[in-house]
Protein backbone atom coordinates (compact mmCIF):
# COMPACT_ATOMS: atom_id res chain seq x y z
CA MET A 1 10.60 13.58 14.91
CA SER A 2 8.63 15.20 12.14
CA LYS A 3 9.99 17.84 9.84
CA THR A 4 8.36 21.21 8.74
CA SER A 5 8.64 23.30 5.75
CA ILE A 6 6.44 26.32 5.48
CA ASP A 7 6.63 28.82 2.46
CA HIS A 8 5.41 32.24 3.83
CA ASN A 9 4.80 35.38 1.45
CA GLU A 10 3.10 38.75 1.79
CA THR A 11 0.74 38.16 -1.18
CA ALA A 12 -2.69 36.54 -1.50
CA GLU A 13 -1.05 33.36 -2.93
CA PRO A 14 -1.84 30.04 -1.08
CA ARG A 15 0.80 29.05 1.49
CA ARG A 16 2.74 25.79 0.82
CA VAL A 17 3.25 23.48 3.91
CA SER A 18 5.37 20.32 3.90
CA LEU A 19 5.53 17.97 6.88
CA ASN A 20 6.88 14.54 7.28
CA GLY A 21 7.77 12.11 10.06
CA PRO A 22 8.48 8.29 10.77
CA THR A 23 5.65 5.73 10.82
CA MET A 24 5.40 1.93 10.12
CA GLY A 25 9.08 1.44 9.29
CA SER A 26 9.05 4.14 6.60
CA ARG A 27 7.96 7.87 6.68
CA TRP A 28 4.67 9.72 6.15
CA THR A 29 4.64 12.91 4.07
CA ALA A 30 2.04 15.60 3.74
CA VAL A 31 2.26 18.63 1.24
CA TRP A 32 -0.73 20.99 0.93
CA PHE A 33 -1.61 24.55 0.01
CA ASP A 34 -3.91 26.58 2.46
CA ASP A 35 -4.90 30.08 2.95
CA GLY A 36 -2.35 30.49 5.93
CA LEU A 37 -5.03 31.00 8.47
CA ASP A 38 -4.75 27.61 10.40
CA ASP A 39 -1.78 26.51 12.28
CA PRO A 40 0.16 23.78 10.37
CA LEU A 41 1.77 22.29 13.47
CA GLU A 42 -1.88 21.70 14.88
CA ILE A 43 -2.59 20.04 11.84
CA GLY A 44 0.64 18.05 11.85
CA ALA A 45 -0.11 16.82 15.36
CA ASP A 46 -3.36 15.32 14.03
CA LEU A 47 -1.49 13.73 11.32
CA ILE A 48 0.92 12.16 13.57
CA ALA A 49 -1.89 11.05 15.81
CA ALA A 50 -3.65 9.35 12.75
CA VAL A 51 -0.71 7.34 11.35
CA GLY A 52 0.19 6.45 14.94
CA ALA A 53 -3.14 4.98 15.71
CA VAL A 54 -3.00 2.84 12.45
CA ASP A 55 0.39 1.54 13.46
CA ASN A 56 -0.75 0.83 16.97
CA GLN A 57 -3.72 -1.00 15.67
CA MET A 58 -2.38 -2.87 12.72
CA SER A 59 1.32 -3.47 13.12
CA THR A 60 2.71 -7.13 13.17
CA TRP A 61 5.93 -5.64 14.62
CA LYS A 62 4.30 -4.34 17.99
CA PRO A 63 3.34 -7.28 20.22
CA GLY A 64 0.76 -4.97 21.88
CA SER A 65 -0.95 -3.92 18.64
CA ASP A 66 -4.67 -4.79 18.45
CA LEU A 67 -3.86 -7.00 15.32
CA MET A 68 -1.40 -9.18 17.36
CA ARG A 69 -3.92 -9.30 20.20
CA LEU A 70 -6.34 -10.55 17.72
CA ASN A 71 -3.87 -13.19 16.47
CA ARG A 72 -3.40 -14.53 20.14
CA ALA A 73 -7.07 -14.76 20.81
CA GLY A 74 -9.06 -17.77 21.04
CA THR A 75 -11.71 -18.94 18.87
CA GLY A 76 -15.44 -19.23 18.81
CA SER A 77 -16.27 -15.72 20.49
CA TRP A 78 -16.64 -12.28 19.18
CA ILE A 79 -13.75 -10.10 19.97
CA GLU A 80 -14.15 -6.35 20.20
CA VAL A 81 -11.48 -4.43 18.01
CA PRO A 82 -11.05 -0.66 16.97
CA ALA A 83 -13.51 0.51 14.38
CA ASN A 84 -10.65 1.18 11.89
CA LEU A 85 -9.21 -2.25 12.39
CA ALA A 86 -12.66 -3.61 11.74
CA THR A 87 -13.08 -1.53 8.55
CA VAL A 88 -9.54 -2.66 7.13
CA LEU A 89 -10.32 -6.40 7.97
CA ASP A 90 -13.93 -6.09 6.34
CA VAL A 91 -12.42 -4.70 3.20
CA SER A 92 -9.59 -7.13 3.23
CA LEU A 93 -12.06 -10.08 3.29
CA ARG A 94 -14.06 -8.62 0.35
CA ILE A 95 -10.87 -8.04 -1.72
CA GLY A 96 -9.77 -11.74 -0.85
CA ARG A 97 -12.90 -13.15 -2.15
CA ALA A 98 -12.82 -11.17 -5.35
CA SER A 99 -9.18 -11.93 -5.99
CA GLY A 100 -9.75 -15.73 -5.55
CA GLY A 101 -7.38 -15.68 -2.40
CA ALA A 102 -4.52 -13.91 -4.17
CA PHE A 103 -4.96 -11.28 -1.42
CA ASN A 104 -5.12 -13.12 1.66
CA ILE A 105 -4.59 -11.42 5.17
CA GLY A 106 -4.14 -15.05 6.44
CA VAL A 107 -0.60 -15.13 4.92
CA GLY A 108 1.25 -14.35 8.19
CA ARG A 109 2.69 -17.67 9.04
CA ALA A 110 3.58 -18.40 5.39
CA VAL A 111 5.49 -15.12 5.21
CA ALA A 112 7.39 -15.89 8.36
CA GLU A 113 8.22 -19.51 7.25
CA TRP A 114 10.09 -17.98 4.27
CA GLY A 115 12.14 -15.69 6.57
CA PHE A 116 10.25 -12.35 6.37
CA GLY A 117 8.17 -10.21 8.66
CA SER A 118 8.28 -9.73 12.43
CA HIS A 119 8.40 -13.42 13.29
CA ALA A 120 10.78 -14.45 10.48
CA GLY A 121 12.96 -17.42 11.12
CA ARG A 122 14.91 -19.99 9.00
CA PRO A 123 12.48 -21.61 6.61
CA GLY A 124 11.07 -24.73 8.08
CA ASP A 125 8.98 -27.85 7.12
CA LEU A 126 5.88 -25.60 6.73
CA ALA A 127 7.46 -23.36 4.04
CA GLY A 128 5.50 -23.83 0.98
CA THR A 129 2.31 -24.63 2.86
CA PRO A 130 -0.81 -22.63 1.30
CA ALA A 131 -1.79 -19.83 3.70
CA THR A 132 -4.86 -20.06 6.00
CA LEU A 133 -7.92 -18.60 3.99
CA SER A 134 -8.76 -15.71 6.09
CA MET A 135 -12.25 -15.39 4.51
CA ASP A 136 -13.24 -18.91 5.52
CA LEU A 137 -12.04 -18.59 9.09
CA LEU A 138 -12.82 -14.87 10.02
CA ASP A 139 -16.22 -13.16 10.37
CA VAL A 140 -16.14 -9.22 10.60
CA ASP A 141 -19.07 -7.16 12.06
CA ALA A 142 -17.72 -3.79 11.00
CA LEU A 143 -20.86 -2.05 12.17
CA ARG A 144 -20.31 -3.37 15.78
CA SER A 145 -16.41 -3.41 15.52
CA ARG A 146 -16.05 -7.10 16.45
CA VAL A 147 -14.54 -10.15 14.91
CA LEU A 148 -15.30 -13.75 15.11
CA LYS A 149 -12.39 -16.40 14.67
CA HIS A 150 -13.50 -19.89 13.47
CA GLY A 151 -9.88 -21.21 13.77
CA PRO A 152 -6.37 -20.01 14.60
CA MET A 153 -4.56 -17.93 12.14
CA SER A 154 -1.74 -15.35 11.57
CA LEU A 155 -3.33 -12.20 10.13
CA ASP A 156 -0.85 -9.84 8.40
CA LEU A 157 -2.07 -6.56 6.99
CA SER A 158 1.11 -5.33 5.51
CA GLY A 159 -0.47 -5.39 2.04
CA ILE A 160 -3.18 -2.97 2.84
CA ALA A 161 -2.43 -1.01 6.22
CA LYS A 162 -0.02 1.53 4.73
CA GLY A 163 -2.69 2.32 2.19
CA PHE A 164 -5.26 3.00 4.95
CA GLY A 165 -2.68 5.07 6.97
CA VAL A 166 -2.56 7.30 3.77
CA ASP A 167 -6.29 7.51 3.62
CA GLU A 168 -6.15 8.54 7.22
CA LEU A 169 -3.68 11.38 6.35
CA ALA A 170 -6.24 12.39 3.79
CA ARG A 171 -9.02 12.30 6.26
CA VAL A 172 -7.25 14.70 8.45
CA LEU A 173 -6.65 17.32 5.74
CA ASP A 174 -10.18 16.86 4.35
CA GLU A 175 -11.54 17.53 8.08
CA ALA A 176 -9.18 20.56 8.19
CA GLY A 177 -10.97 21.89 4.97
CA ILE A 178 -7.74 21.64 2.87
CA ALA A 179 -8.78 21.08 -0.70
CA SER A 180 -5.14 20.94 -2.33
CA TYR A 181 -2.80 18.21 -1.01
CA LEU A 182 -0.57 15.15 -1.53
CA VAL A 183 -0.01 12.74 1.30
CA GLY A 184 1.78 9.47 1.39
CA ILE A 185 3.53 6.74 3.14
CA ASP A 186 6.45 5.16 1.19
CA GLY A 187 5.04 4.27 -2.33
CA GLU A 188 1.36 4.74 -1.40
CA MET A 189 0.12 8.25 -2.13
CA ARG A 190 -3.04 10.07 -2.53
CA ALA A 191 -3.92 13.49 -3.76
CA ARG A 192 -6.80 16.03 -3.51
CA GLY A 193 -7.58 18.69 -6.05
CA GLU A 194 -4.77 20.47 -8.00
CA LYS A 195 -1.99 22.79 -7.25
CA PRO A 196 -2.74 26.55 -7.20
CA ASP A 197 -1.50 26.82 -10.84
CA GLY A 198 -4.15 24.35 -11.94
CA SER A 199 -1.63 21.40 -12.51
CA PRO A 200 -2.13 18.06 -11.15
CA TRP A 201 0.20 16.49 -8.61
CA SER A 202 2.87 14.41 -9.80
CA VAL A 203 4.13 11.08 -8.25
CA ALA A 204 7.39 9.47 -9.42
CA LEU A 205 7.28 5.77 -10.33
CA GLU A 206 10.45 3.96 -9.32
CA ARG A 207 12.31 1.78 -11.99
CA PRO A 208 12.07 -1.81 -10.75
CA ASP A 209 15.76 -2.42 -10.73
CA PRO A 210 17.33 -3.60 -7.38
CA ALA A 211 20.76 -2.33 -8.57
CA VAL A 212 20.04 1.33 -9.01
CA ARG A 213 17.32 4.07 -7.76
CA ALA A 214 15.87 5.84 -10.96
CA ILE A 215 12.52 7.06 -12.08
CA HIS A 216 10.74 4.78 -14.57
CA GLY A 217 8.12 7.45 -15.06
CA VAL A 218 5.87 10.00 -13.39
CA VAL A 219 2.08 9.60 -13.04
CA THR A 220 -0.22 12.63 -12.37
CA LEU A 221 -3.01 12.48 -9.67
CA SER A 222 -5.95 14.50 -8.99
CA ASP A 223 -8.60 13.20 -6.49
CA CYS A 224 -7.24 9.63 -6.41
CA ALA A 225 -4.47 7.36 -4.95
CA VAL A 226 -1.73 5.28 -6.22
CA ALA A 227 0.16 2.37 -4.96
CA THR A 228 3.01 0.30 -6.07
CA SER A 229 4.10 -3.30 -5.15
CA GLY A 230 7.41 -4.84 -6.53
CA ASP A 231 10.11 -7.50 -6.01
CA TYR A 232 13.04 -5.09 -6.21
CA ARG A 233 13.47 -3.69 -2.94
CA HIS A 234 12.64 -6.37 -0.28
CA TRP A 235 14.18 -9.84 -0.75
CA ARG A 236 16.68 -12.29 0.63
CA GLU A 237 19.02 -14.68 -0.76
CA ASP A 238 20.00 -18.26 -0.11
CA GLU A 239 21.84 -21.11 -2.00
CA THR A 240 18.85 -21.07 -4.42
CA GLY A 241 18.94 -17.54 -5.45
CA ARG A 242 16.86 -14.59 -4.65
CA ILE A 243 13.53 -15.05 -2.85
CA SER A 244 10.89 -12.44 -3.00
CA HIS A 245 9.16 -11.12 0.29
CA THR A 246 5.71 -11.53 -1.62
CA VAL A 247 4.33 -14.95 -0.89
CA ASP A 248 1.42 -16.34 -2.91
CA PRO A 249 -1.02 -17.34 -0.35
CA ARG A 250 -2.64 -19.87 -2.55
CA THR A 251 0.64 -21.92 -2.92
CA GLY A 252 2.69 -20.79 0.05
CA GLN A 253 5.56 -20.10 -2.33
CA PRO A 254 7.40 -16.88 -2.86
CA VAL A 255 6.24 -14.99 -6.02
CA CYS A 256 8.51 -15.95 -9.00
CA SER A 257 7.43 -14.40 -12.36
CA ARG A 258 8.34 -12.01 -15.11
CA LEU A 259 6.39 -9.37 -13.23
CA ALA A 260 8.66 -6.77 -11.63
CA SER A 261 6.25 -4.15 -10.33
CA VAL A 262 2.56 -3.28 -10.35
CA THR A 263 1.15 0.21 -9.94
CA VAL A 264 -2.62 0.82 -9.37
CA LEU A 265 -4.73 3.96 -9.30
CA ALA A 266 -7.93 3.81 -7.14
CA PRO A 267 -10.18 6.33 -5.22
CA SER A 268 -8.63 5.22 -2.01
CA ALA A 269 -4.95 4.46 -1.13
CA MET A 270 -6.25 1.24 0.90
CA ALA A 271 -7.94 -0.20 -2.26
CA ALA A 272 -4.90 0.72 -4.55
CA ASP A 273 -2.55 -1.03 -1.82
CA ALA A 274 -4.37 -4.13 -1.69
CA ALA A 275 -5.03 -4.34 -5.49
CA ALA A 276 -1.27 -3.95 -6.21
CA THR A 277 -0.54 -6.75 -3.87
CA ALA A 278 -3.15 -9.04 -5.38
CA LEU A 279 -1.89 -8.33 -9.03
CA MET A 280 1.75 -8.84 -8.11
CA VAL A 281 0.76 -12.32 -6.63
CA MET A 282 -1.29 -13.27 -9.73
CA GLY A 283 1.47 -12.50 -12.14
CA GLU A 284 1.41 -10.87 -15.61
CA ASP A 285 -1.35 -12.79 -17.41
CA GLU A 286 -3.78 -13.52 -14.54
CA GLY A 287 -3.23 -10.19 -13.23
CA LEU A 288 -3.85 -8.32 -16.32
CA ALA A 289 -7.02 -10.39 -16.97
CA TYR A 290 -8.19 -9.77 -13.41
CA ALA A 291 -7.59 -5.93 -13.72
CA GLU A 292 -9.56 -5.74 -16.81
CA ARG A 293 -12.54 -7.66 -15.17
CA GLN A 294 -12.38 -5.44 -12.26
CA GLY A 295 -12.06 -2.06 -14.14
CA LEU A 296 -8.71 -1.30 -12.42
CA GLU A 297 -6.26 1.18 -13.72
CA ALA A 298 -3.09 -0.76 -13.47
CA LEU A 299 0.39 -0.74 -14.89
CA MET A 300 2.50 -3.87 -14.90
CA ILE A 301 6.17 -3.64 -15.80
CA VAL A 302 7.75 -7.00 -16.72
CA ARG A 303 11.32 -8.24 -17.35
CA THR A 304 11.77 -9.69 -20.71
CA GLU A 305 13.85 -12.61 -21.78
CA THR A 306 16.55 -10.16 -22.92
CA GLY A 307 16.64 -8.37 -19.49
CA GLU A 308 14.68 -5.24 -20.80
CA LEU A 309 11.54 -3.92 -19.27
CA ALA A 310 8.23 -3.90 -20.91
CA GLU A 311 4.70 -2.45 -20.01
CA HIS A 312 1.27 -3.75 -20.06
CA GLY A 313 -1.70 -1.91 -18.53
CA THR A 314 -5.27 -1.17 -18.26
CA GLY A 315 -7.28 2.08 -17.94
CA ARG A 316 -5.14 5.07 -18.39
CA PHE A 317 -2.08 2.82 -18.58
CA ALA A 318 -3.45 0.64 -21.54
CA PRO A 319 -1.17 1.02 -24.70
CA GLU A 320 -3.55 3.13 -26.50
CA ALA A 321 -3.94 5.68 -23.48
CA ALA A 322 -0.39 5.74 -22.30
CA PRO A 323 1.18 8.15 -24.60
CA SER A 324 -1.17 10.97 -23.55
CA THR A 325 -2.39 10.05 -20.13
CA GLY A 326 -0.15 7.40 -18.68
CA ILE A 327 3.34 7.89 -17.53
CA HIS A 328 6.27 10.07 -18.68
CA ALA A 329 9.69 11.25 -18.03
CA ARG A 330 11.17 7.73 -18.13
CA GLN A 331 14.65 7.17 -16.91
CA ALA A 332 15.01 10.30 -14.97
CA SER A 333 17.08 10.33 -11.78
CA LEU A 334 15.49 9.66 -8.40
CA GLU A 335 16.79 11.09 -5.43
CA ALA A 336 17.30 8.74 -2.42
């Protein structure tokens, strides 16, 4: 069930609307300012439909989703898929090639073998096997909304689908003519314009600490998106210690490095989501070099040998830029 908050007034001031509801195992949120002429509940219905469609097409938790249908499909013949799914698959393959396989939607089996995801089980003999390279076994014809599989694979869009869902929320508000909004799903957010007072939208970045929930800093957004990937919220433990839910597709092993979290800014939430996942897989040194080559704006938070947190970044998060344009309000409290 979605929740609605609407601020009414008798002046010419813009109306503030806030909606949220469940989706993709999390919650979607939308806050915007408008002239008060449109029915926000009608827009809310469109928002619910948009994220619902993404979930129905791209979920690995729903056996009837279009993605799971594609996973079960045979090889050697073109398979029709929804246009949005074709778009996300096409973008995923391009990012996979650019990242040298650090981002790889063929990672589904590898993730399950380590005890995560919708088909998780106890780690078996295949745990640690490199993931199928989706860019080698999958052709996507985005213009005709069809896919050709050259071999069996287990596709998993968890590193990009929520970002695309955020972009779909943004699309709905753009089509409604709303020029000032902040939308999000979990840690992926996208902003349009500025608030009525001229200030940018502010998004809290969580401190990468599994023991506490606190703000590490706040980043301001205007006409861009932000996504964060980290190792501090989703993991499991066995006799060897803590195992990250993020698996390096190139090795088939859970990610294990000093890197605690990665935050990326990009024009779309889909691009930010996938880039944050790729950088988290790459680790501190490889990821920082990749971000610089690709012109990404990325903040990497690493754990030092003394247990403290240190920052490395590019773009507005670079050391010379961060004091004035990066993040601020470190160590503030974070509401659950």
